[in-house]
Protein backbone atom coordinates (compact mmCIF):
# COMPACT_ATOMS: atom_id res chain seq x y z
CA UNK A 1 12.65 2.74 15.88
CA UNK A 2 9.70 0.37 15.65
CA UNK A 3 6.05 1.12 15.07
CA UNK A 4 3.12 -1.29 15.14
CA UNK A 5 -0.38 -0.98 13.74
CA UNK A 6 -2.67 -3.43 15.49
CA UNK A 7 -6.34 -4.32 15.42
CA UNK A 8 -8.42 -4.98 18.46
CA UNK A 9 -10.15 -8.28 19.18
CA UNK A 10 -13.07 -9.34 17.00
CA UNK A 11 -16.06 -7.10 16.48
CA UNK A 12 -18.38 -9.02 18.86
CA UNK A 13 -16.25 -7.75 21.80
CA UNK A 14 -16.29 -4.13 20.67
CA UNK A 15 -18.58 -1.48 22.14
CA UNK A 16 -21.60 -0.61 20.05
CA UNK A 17 -20.24 2.86 19.31
CA UNK A 18 -17.02 1.43 17.86
CA UNK A 19 -18.94 -0.96 15.60
CA UNK A 20 -21.13 1.94 14.48
CA UNK A 21 -18.05 4.01 13.68
CA UNK A 22 -16.61 1.16 11.58
CA UNK A 23 -19.86 0.84 9.64
CA UNK A 24 -19.96 4.60 9.15
CA UNK A 25 -16.34 4.61 7.99
CA UNK A 26 -17.13 1.97 5.36
CA UNK A 27 -20.10 4.05 4.16
CA UNK A 28 -17.89 7.13 3.80
CA UNK A 29 -15.32 5.14 1.82
CA UNK A 30 -17.96 3.88 -0.60
CA UNK A 31 -19.31 7.41 -1.09
CA UNK A 32 -15.77 8.75 -1.60
CA UNK A 33 -15.05 5.97 -4.12
CA UNK A 34 -18.19 6.88 -6.04
CA UNK A 35 -17.17 10.55 -6.15
CA UNK A 36 -13.65 9.54 -7.19
CA UNK A 37 -15.10 7.51 -10.08
CA UNK A 38 -17.09 10.50 -11.36
CA UNK A 39 -14.13 12.82 -10.84
CA UNK A 40 -11.94 10.48 -12.88
CA UNK A 41 -14.28 10.99 -15.83
CA UNK A 42 -13.93 14.77 -15.49
CA UNK A 43 -10.15 14.48 -15.23
CA UNK A 44 -10.05 12.37 -18.40
CA UNK A 45 -11.92 15.11 -20.26
CA UNK A 46 -9.54 17.81 -18.97
CA UNK A 47 -6.56 15.64 -19.87
CA UNK A 48 -7.91 15.06 -23.37
CA UNK A 49 -8.35 18.76 -24.11
CA UNK A 50 -4.93 19.61 -22.62
CA UNK A 51 -3.29 17.02 -24.88
CA UNK A 52 -5.04 18.48 -27.95
CA UNK A 53 -3.84 21.95 -26.92
CA UNK A 54 -0.27 20.70 -26.70
CA UNK A 55 -0.52 19.19 -30.18
CA UNK A 56 -1.82 22.45 -31.68
CA UNK A 57 0.63 24.81 -29.95
CA UNK A 58 4.25 25.55 -30.92
CA UNK A 59 6.64 23.43 -28.81
CA UNK A 60 8.18 25.46 -26.01
CA UNK A 61 5.66 28.29 -26.23
CA UNK A 62 4.20 29.63 -22.94
CA UNK A 63 0.76 28.19 -23.73
CA UNK A 64 2.24 24.77 -24.61
CA UNK A 65 4.16 24.76 -21.31
CA UNK A 66 0.97 25.68 -19.43
CA UNK A 67 -0.84 22.77 -21.08
CA UNK A 68 1.90 20.49 -19.81
CA UNK A 69 1.37 21.82 -16.29
CA UNK A 70 -2.34 21.01 -16.59
CA UNK A 71 -1.46 17.42 -17.53
CA UNK A 72 0.91 17.17 -14.56
CA UNK A 73 -1.83 18.36 -12.22
CA UNK A 74 -4.30 15.90 -13.69
CA UNK A 75 -1.83 13.04 -13.18
CA UNK A 76 -1.44 13.93 -9.50
CA UNK A 77 -5.21 14.15 -9.07
CA UNK A 78 -5.61 10.71 -10.64
CA UNK A 79 -3.21 9.27 -8.06
CA UNK A 80 -5.57 10.48 -5.34
CA UNK A 81 -8.71 9.16 -7.00
CA UNK A 82 -6.94 5.87 -7.71
CA UNK A 83 -6.30 5.29 -4.01
CA UNK A 84 -9.94 6.05 -3.13
CA UNK A 85 -11.17 3.73 -5.89
CA UNK A 86 -8.92 0.95 -4.56
CA UNK A 87 -10.60 1.18 -1.15
CA UNK A 88 -14.05 1.19 -2.72
CA UNK A 89 -13.34 -1.86 -4.88
CA UNK A 90 -12.09 -3.75 -1.86
CA UNK A 91 -15.24 -3.04 0.17
CA UNK A 92 -17.42 -4.11 -2.75
CA UNK A 93 -16.05 -7.67 -3.03
CA UNK A 94 -15.84 -10.64 -0.65
CA UNK A 95 -12.54 -12.15 0.42
CA UNK A 96 -11.07 -15.31 -1.09
CA UNK A 97 -8.06 -17.52 -0.41
CA UNK A 98 -4.87 -16.29 -2.09
CA UNK A 99 -1.37 -17.62 -2.73
CA UNK A 100 1.02 -15.04 -1.23
CA UNK A 101 4.30 -16.13 -2.96
CA UNK A 102 2.61 -16.10 -6.37
CA UNK A 103 1.08 -12.64 -5.86
CA UNK A 104 4.36 -11.24 -4.55
CA UNK A 105 6.18 -12.56 -7.63
CA UNK A 106 3.50 -11.01 -9.87
CA UNK A 107 4.10 -7.69 -8.11
CA UNK A 108 7.87 -7.98 -8.56
CA UNK A 109 7.43 -8.72 -12.27
CA UNK A 110 5.18 -5.67 -12.55
CA UNK A 111 7.74 -3.24 -11.08
CA UNK A 112 10.82 -4.73 -12.75
CA UNK A 113 10.13 -2.99 -16.07
CA UNK A 114 10.69 0.42 -14.46
CA UNK A 115 13.26 -0.63 -11.87
CA UNK A 116 16.38 1.59 -11.82
CA UNK A 117 19.61 -0.20 -12.74
CA UNK A 118 21.16 0.60 -9.35
CA UNK A 119 18.47 -1.28 -7.38
CA UNK A 120 18.40 -5.05 -6.88
CA UNK A 121 15.44 -7.12 -5.68
CA UNK A 122 16.16 -10.35 -3.79
CA UNK A 123 13.64 -12.90 -2.56
CA UNK A 124 13.80 -15.48 0.21
CA UNK A 125 10.65 -17.60 0.33
CA UNK A 126 9.87 -20.53 2.60
CA UNK A 127 9.22 -23.64 0.49
CA UNK A 128 5.54 -23.94 1.43
CA UNK A 129 3.26 -21.49 3.20
CA UNK A 130 -0.54 -21.62 3.67
CA UNK A 131 -3.00 -19.56 1.67
CA UNK A 132 -4.36 -16.36 3.24
CA UNK A 133 -7.88 -14.98 3.32
CA UNK A 134 -7.70 -11.94 1.05
CA UNK A 135 -8.43 -10.95 -2.53
CA UNK A 136 -5.40 -11.22 -4.84
CA UNK A 137 -5.93 -7.64 -6.07
CA UNK A 138 -5.80 -6.36 -2.49
CA UNK A 139 -2.56 -8.20 -1.70
CA UNK A 140 -1.13 -6.87 -4.97
CA UNK A 141 -2.09 -3.33 -3.95
CA UNK A 142 -0.51 -3.73 -0.51
CA UNK A 143 2.71 -5.23 -1.87
CA UNK A 144 2.98 -2.69 -4.70
CA UNK A 145 2.64 0.33 -2.43
CA UNK A 146 5.29 -0.93 0.00
CA UNK A 147 7.70 -1.94 -2.78
CA UNK A 148 7.29 1.42 -4.57
CA UNK A 149 8.10 3.27 -1.34
CA UNK A 150 11.19 1.12 -0.82
CA UNK A 151 12.39 1.75 -4.37
CA UNK A 152 11.91 5.50 -3.99
CA UNK A 153 14.00 5.51 -0.81
CA UNK A 154 16.90 3.95 -2.76
CA UNK A 155 16.62 5.84 -6.06
CA UNK A 156 19.45 8.29 -5.40
CA UNK A 157 22.17 5.92 -4.16
CA UNK A 158 20.81 2.54 -5.19
CA UNK A 159 20.55 -0.47 -2.93
CA UNK A 160 18.90 -3.81 -2.31
CA UNK A 161 15.28 -4.67 -1.56
CA UNK A 162 15.01 -8.03 0.18
CA UNK A 163 11.60 -9.72 0.25
CA UNK A 164 11.04 -12.63 2.64
CA UNK A 165 8.05 -14.91 3.15
CA UNK A 166 7.67 -17.40 5.97
CA UNK A 167 5.02 -18.95 8.20
CA UNK A 168 4.44 -18.12 11.85
CA UNK A 169 2.51 -20.58 14.02
CA UNK A 170 -0.52 -19.54 16.06
CA UNK A 171 1.47 -19.76 19.29
CA UNK A 172 4.20 -17.49 17.96
CA UNK A 173 1.61 -15.02 16.72
CA UNK A 174 0.06 -14.96 20.18
CA UNK A 175 3.48 -14.35 21.78
CA UNK A 176 4.16 -11.42 19.45
CA UNK A 177 0.68 -9.87 19.62
CA UNK A 178 -0.62 -10.78 23.06
CA UNK A 179 -4.18 -9.56 22.37
CA UNK A 180 -4.61 -11.50 19.13
CA UNK A 181 -5.17 -15.15 18.39
CA UNK A 182 -5.07 -16.50 14.84
CA UNK A 183 -5.89 -20.23 15.04
CA UNK A 184 -4.14 -21.02 11.75
CA UNK A 185 -1.09 -18.84 12.26
CA UNK A 186 0.12 -16.09 9.91
CA UNK A 187 2.01 -15.78 6.65
CA UNK A 188 4.70 -13.14 7.12
CA UNK A 189 5.94 -10.92 4.29
CA UNK A 190 8.95 -8.71 5.11
CA UNK A 191 10.12 -5.85 2.86
CA UNK A 192 13.64 -4.74 3.82
CA UNK A 193 15.42 -1.95 1.95
CA UNK A 194 18.83 -0.29 2.27
CA UNK A 195 17.49 3.17 1.59
CA UNK A 196 17.55 6.46 3.45
CA UNK A 197 15.60 5.24 6.48
CA UNK A 198 13.25 7.39 8.56
CA UNK A 199 13.39 9.58 11.63
CA UNK A 200 11.18 8.50 14.58
CA UNK A 201 8.79 11.41 14.02
CA UNK A 202 8.30 10.33 10.40
CA UNK A 203 7.62 6.71 11.38
CA UNK A 204 4.95 7.91 13.80
CA UNK A 205 3.08 9.66 10.98
CA UNK A 206 3.63 7.58 7.83
CA UNK A 207 0.18 6.00 8.06
CA UNK A 208 -1.62 9.31 8.57
CA UNK A 209 -3.86 10.44 5.67
CA UNK A 210 -2.17 12.98 3.38
CA UNK A 211 1.13 12.89 5.29
CA UNK A 212 4.11 12.68 2.96
CA UNK A 213 7.76 13.73 2.99
CA UNK A 214 7.99 13.51 -0.80
CA UNK A 215 7.37 16.58 -3.04
CA UNK A 216 5.19 14.58 -5.45
CA UNK A 217 3.63 12.20 -2.92
CA UNK A 218 -0.11 11.95 -2.25
CA UNK A 219 0.09 10.88 1.39
CA UNK A 220 -2.47 8.16 0.73
CA UNK A 221 -0.40 5.11 -0.25
CA UNK A 222 0.52 3.84 3.21
CA UNK A 223 -2.82 4.95 4.65
CA UNK A 224 -4.47 2.66 2.11
CA UNK A 225 -2.02 -0.13 2.98
CA UNK A 226 -2.88 0.11 6.67
CA UNK A 227 -6.61 0.15 5.98
CA UNK A 228 -6.49 -2.87 3.67
CA UNK A 229 -4.33 -4.88 6.08
CA UNK A 230 -6.59 -4.08 9.03
CA UNK A 231 -9.69 -5.09 7.06
CA UNK A 232 -8.28 -8.56 6.39
CA UNK A 233 -7.41 -8.92 10.10
CA UNK A 234 -3.70 -8.48 9.47
CA UNK A 235 -0.93 -6.51 11.14
CA UNK A 236 1.90 -4.30 9.95
CA UNK A 237 5.06 -3.26 11.78
CA UNK A 238 7.81 -0.85 10.75
CA UNK A 239 11.45 -0.66 11.79
CA UNK A 240 13.81 1.95 10.42
CA UNK A 241 17.21 3.57 10.97
CA UNK A 242 18.33 6.74 9.25
CA UNK A 243 20.88 6.08 6.48
CA UNK A 244 20.53 2.31 6.98
CA UNK A 245 17.08 1.48 5.64
CA UNK A 246 13.62 0.35 6.64
CA UNK A 247 11.72 -2.90 7.02
CA UNK A 248 7.96 -3.20 6.73
CA UNK A 249 6.59 -6.53 7.96
CA UNK A 250 3.07 -7.63 7.07
CA UNK A 251 1.28 -10.39 9.02
CA UNK A 252 -1.53 -12.10 7.08
CA UNK A 253 -3.87 -14.60 8.81
CA UNK A 254 -3.55 -18.02 7.20
CA UNK A 255 -6.50 -20.19 6.22
CA UNK A 256 -6.91 -23.81 7.31
CA UNK A 257 -5.46 -26.45 4.98
């Protein structure tokens, strides 16, 4: 099963109403990010008091257990505010040229500390690929979310996450996405895991806000990924088979040499 998330042609060709909706969407994100920032301060206060309660209460007592539940709830709430803040930070800063292989390696190094022993990460990188027009922190956020999802799909039985980077010429990009032309081609990053895979109905909804099939998921991670990729004029496709694994492929417009 394959799913594709595509952008339309450049904004100048879009109807006025569509451009207005995009501007309005950006405004809503900035407002939401501001609220998330203030809410984070409140959550930190709640967390602080809950931790002090735990310290003062007998271990294992009902009140001490309740304090732990408060901390668990605060942690989940901070995951939500963190995703909203990520979107707000992106919209507040201009793009810059970034080195994809370097950022991907930084992301791998970041997750390796908590990587389960039964999961292996392999990389296959083309010797030289162009820079892409995106902030390093945004690419890091995209890569981290996809890698974390892949790891979670393999936690129970273990497996291999294979990361590949290569360059796709402008002509090949045009052949794959007939309504898109990137004059400098695209840098492709593929994330292939040997995890549980997904049913077609799950694939069709994984980018929907708040949709999750995980008990402790927020349903915002992949929504944020899609938004960030679309905003840097990129593409993302998904292929998956149940009990065989999934592959997310990200297409990032390259900059001129």
